[in-house]
Amino acid sequence: MAGDEKITLQVSSVSRASPVRKAVASGSEAPATVHAPSNTPAPVPVTRLLSLANELASEPPPVDFARIAVLRNAIASGNYAVDAALIAGAAVRFYKGSAT
C-alpha cells in the first residue's frame, strides 16, 4: 500500500532518538522541579538485595509445630470437622484471584 511505503521511509530514515524537550507557552514559567518526598528510603545496593534473597531462600519455611500437634490430635480423636462449603468457597475465591 502507498501509505505503508511512506511509513517505512520515515521510520528507516531515523538514525537516533533526540532528547525530548517540553514546550513552554509564551509568557508562562517553566514547570517546577519535582523532588522525592523526604521520607523516601535510600536505595539498597543490588548486591545486598541478592544476598538477602539467597539468605531467605536457604532458610526452611516457618512451621508452627504447636498448631500441627493440635490438628494431629483433633484428627486422631475424631474431633476435626471439615467444612466442605468453607473449603469450596476459599478455592473459588483463590481461582478467581481474590483469595482474601
C-alpha atoms as a PDB file:
ATOM      1  CA  MET A   1       0.000   0.000   0.000  1.00  0.00           C
ATOM      2  CA  ALA A   2       1.122   3.533  -0.677  1.00  0.00           C
ATOM      3  CA  GLY A   3       0.687   4.638   2.955  1.00  0.00           C
ATOM      4  CA  ASP A   4       2.853   1.774   4.193  1.00  0.00           C
ATOM      5  CA  GLU A   5       5.702   2.866   1.920  1.00  0.00           C
ATOM      6  CA  LYS A   6       5.633   6.372   3.414  1.00  0.00           C
ATOM      7  CA  ILE A   7       5.768   4.996   6.950  1.00  0.00           C
ATOM      8  CA  THR A   8       8.633   2.659   6.082  1.00  0.00           C
ATOM      9  CA  LEU A   9      10.622   5.504   4.528  1.00  0.00           C
ATOM     10  CA  GLN A  10      10.068   7.729   7.555  1.00  0.00           C
ATOM     11  CA  VAL A  11      10.977   5.014  10.064  1.00  0.00           C
ATOM     12  CA  SER A  12      14.008   3.737   8.153  1.00  0.00           C
ATOM     13  CA  SER A  13      15.480   7.232   7.918  1.00  0.00           C
ATOM     14  CA  VAL A  14      15.607   7.691  11.718  1.00  0.00           C
ATOM     15  CA  SER A  15      19.161   7.252  12.917  1.00  0.00           C
ATOM     16  CA  ARG A  16      18.868   8.072  16.626  1.00  0.00           C
ATOM     17  CA  ALA A  17      16.401   9.480  19.079  1.00  0.00           C
ATOM     18  CA  SER A  18      16.807  13.077  20.068  1.00  0.00           C
ATOM     19  CA  PRO A  19      16.214  14.339  23.600  1.00  0.00           C
ATOM     20  CA  VAL A  20      12.636  15.218  24.448  1.00  0.00           C
ATOM     21  CA  ARG A  21      12.013  18.877  25.123  1.00  0.00           C
ATOM     22  CA  LYS A  22       8.875  20.312  26.640  1.00  0.00           C
ATOM     23  CA  ALA A  23       7.370  23.343  25.014  1.00  0.00           C
ATOM     24  CA  VAL A  24       6.609  26.227  27.348  1.00  0.00           C
ATOM     25  CA  ALA A  25       3.839  28.577  26.347  1.00  0.00           C
ATOM     26  CA  SER A  26       4.989  32.130  25.858  1.00  0.00           C
ATOM     27  CA  GLY A  27       4.675  34.240  28.975  1.00  0.00           C
ATOM     28  CA  SER A  28       4.475  31.271  31.334  1.00  0.00           C
ATOM     29  CA  GLU A  29       7.106  29.955  33.668  1.00  0.00           C
ATOM     30  CA  ALA A  30       8.935  26.682  33.278  1.00  0.00           C
ATOM     31  CA  PRO A  31       7.412  23.798  35.224  1.00  0.00           C
ATOM     32  CA  ALA A  32       8.589  23.416  38.800  1.00  0.00           C
ATOM     33  CA  THR A  33      11.117  20.723  39.651  1.00  0.00           C
ATOM     34  CA  VAL A  34       9.598  17.717  41.405  1.00  0.00           C
ATOM     35  CA  HIS A  35      11.547  16.369  44.370  1.00  0.00           C
ATOM     36  CA  ALA A  36      11.111  12.978  46.019  1.00  0.00           C
ATOM     37  CA  PRO A  37       9.490  13.072  49.472  1.00  0.00           C
ATOM     38  CA  SER A  38      11.985  13.303  52.321  1.00  0.00           C
ATOM     39  CA  ASN A  39      10.717  10.055  53.843  1.00  0.00           C
ATOM     40  CA  THR A  40      11.798   8.014  50.790  1.00  0.00           C
ATOM     41  CA  PRO A  41      14.278   5.329  51.894  1.00  0.00           C
ATOM     42  CA  ALA A  42      17.727   5.292  50.393  1.00  0.00           C
ATOM     43  CA  PRO A  43      18.165   2.785  47.554  1.00  0.00           C
ATOM     44  CA  VAL A  44      19.581  -0.598  48.553  1.00  0.00           C
ATOM     45  CA  PRO A  45      22.522  -1.890  46.516  1.00  0.00           C
ATOM     46  CA  VAL A  46      21.733  -4.836  44.239  1.00  0.00           C
ATOM     47  CA  THR A  47      24.426  -6.978  45.843  1.00  0.00           C
ATOM     48  CA  ARG A  48      22.775  -6.529  49.240  1.00  0.00           C
ATOM     49  CA  LEU A  49      19.372  -7.454  47.808  1.00  0.00           C
ATOM     50  CA  LEU A  50      20.827 -10.578  46.206  1.00  0.00           C
ATOM     51  CA  SER A  51      22.492 -11.663  49.435  1.00  0.00           C
ATOM     52  CA  LEU A  52      19.224 -11.162  51.343  1.00  0.00           C
ATOM     53  CA  ALA A  53      17.313 -13.166  48.732  1.00  0.00           C
ATOM     54  CA  ASN A  54      19.852 -16.008  48.922  1.00  0.00           C
ATOM     55  CA  GLU A  55      19.715 -15.954  52.723  1.00  0.00           C
ATOM     56  CA  LEU A  56      15.915 -16.190  52.724  1.00  0.00           C
ATOM     57  CA  ALA A  57      15.938 -18.928  50.086  1.00  0.00           C
ATOM     58  CA  SER A  58      18.340 -21.040  52.142  1.00  0.00           C
ATOM     59  CA  GLU A  59      16.123 -20.953  55.260  1.00  0.00           C
ATOM     60  CA  PRO A  60      13.342 -23.510  55.680  1.00  0.00           C
ATOM     61  CA  PRO A  61       9.793 -22.165  55.627  1.00  0.00           C
ATOM     62  CA  PRO A  62       8.348 -21.269  59.041  1.00  0.00           C
ATOM     63  CA  VAL A  63       6.413 -24.146  60.631  1.00  0.00           C
ATOM     64  CA  ASP A  64       4.001 -23.860  63.549  1.00  0.00           C
ATOM     65  CA  PHE A  65       4.687 -27.201  65.264  1.00  0.00           C
ATOM     66  CA  ALA A  66       2.201 -26.460  68.064  1.00  0.00           C
ATOM     67  CA  ARG A  67      -0.600 -25.974  65.527  1.00  0.00           C
ATOM     68  CA  ILE A  68       0.398 -29.198  63.751  1.00  0.00           C
ATOM     69  CA  ALA A  69       0.212 -31.102  67.069  1.00  0.00           C
ATOM     70  CA  VAL A  70      -3.263 -29.695  67.797  1.00  0.00           C
ATOM     71  CA  LEU A  71      -4.511 -30.693  64.339  1.00  0.00           C
ATOM     72  CA  ARG A  72      -2.991 -34.191  64.598  1.00  0.00           C
ATOM     73  CA  ASN A  73      -4.641 -34.755  67.968  1.00  0.00           C
ATOM     74  CA  ALA A  74      -8.015 -33.495  66.678  1.00  0.00           C
ATOM     75  CA  ILE A  75      -7.828 -35.790  63.632  1.00  0.00           C
ATOM     76  CA  ALA A  76      -6.715 -38.785  65.722  1.00  0.00           C
ATOM     77  CA  SER A  77      -9.551 -38.309  68.229  1.00  0.00           C
ATOM     78  CA  GLY A  78     -12.170 -37.749  65.510  1.00  0.00           C
ATOM     79  CA  ASN A  79     -12.868 -34.167  66.630  1.00  0.00           C
ATOM     80  CA  TYR A  80     -11.663 -32.483  63.433  1.00  0.00           C
ATOM     81  CA  ALA A  81     -14.665 -31.317  61.434  1.00  0.00           C
ATOM     82  CA  VAL A  82     -14.265 -30.484  57.751  1.00  0.00           C
ATOM     83  CA  ASP A  83     -16.466 -27.650  56.485  1.00  0.00           C
ATOM     84  CA  ALA A  84     -16.773 -28.501  52.792  1.00  0.00           C
ATOM     85  CA  ALA A  85     -18.644 -25.271  51.959  1.00  0.00           C
ATOM     86  CA  LEU A  86     -15.901 -23.159  53.551  1.00  0.00           C
ATOM     87  CA  ILE A  87     -13.168 -25.017  51.655  1.00  0.00           C
ATOM     88  CA  ALA A  88     -15.071 -24.805  48.352  1.00  0.00           C
ATOM     89  CA  GLY A  89     -15.659 -21.062  48.808  1.00  0.00           C
ATOM     90  CA  ALA A  90     -11.980 -20.478  49.541  1.00  0.00           C
ATOM     91  CA  ALA A  91     -10.995 -22.478  46.450  1.00  0.00           C
ATOM     92  CA  VAL A  92     -13.362 -20.481  44.244  1.00  0.00           C
ATOM     93  CA  ARG A  93     -12.058 -17.161  45.616  1.00  0.00           C
ATOM     94  CA  PHE A  94      -8.477 -18.338  45.101  1.00  0.00           C
ATOM     95  CA  TYR A  95      -9.002 -19.279  41.473  1.00  0.00           C
ATOM     96  CA  LYS A  96     -10.893 -16.037  40.796  1.00  0.00           C
ATOM     97  CA  GLY A  97      -7.919 -14.088  42.149  1.00  0.00           C
ATOM     98  CA  SER A  98      -9.395 -12.785  45.401  1.00  0.00           C
ATOM     99  CA  ALA A  99      -8.068 -15.230  47.981  1.00  0.00           C
ATOM    100  CA  THR A 100      -8.649 -12.892  50.915  1.00  0.00           C
END
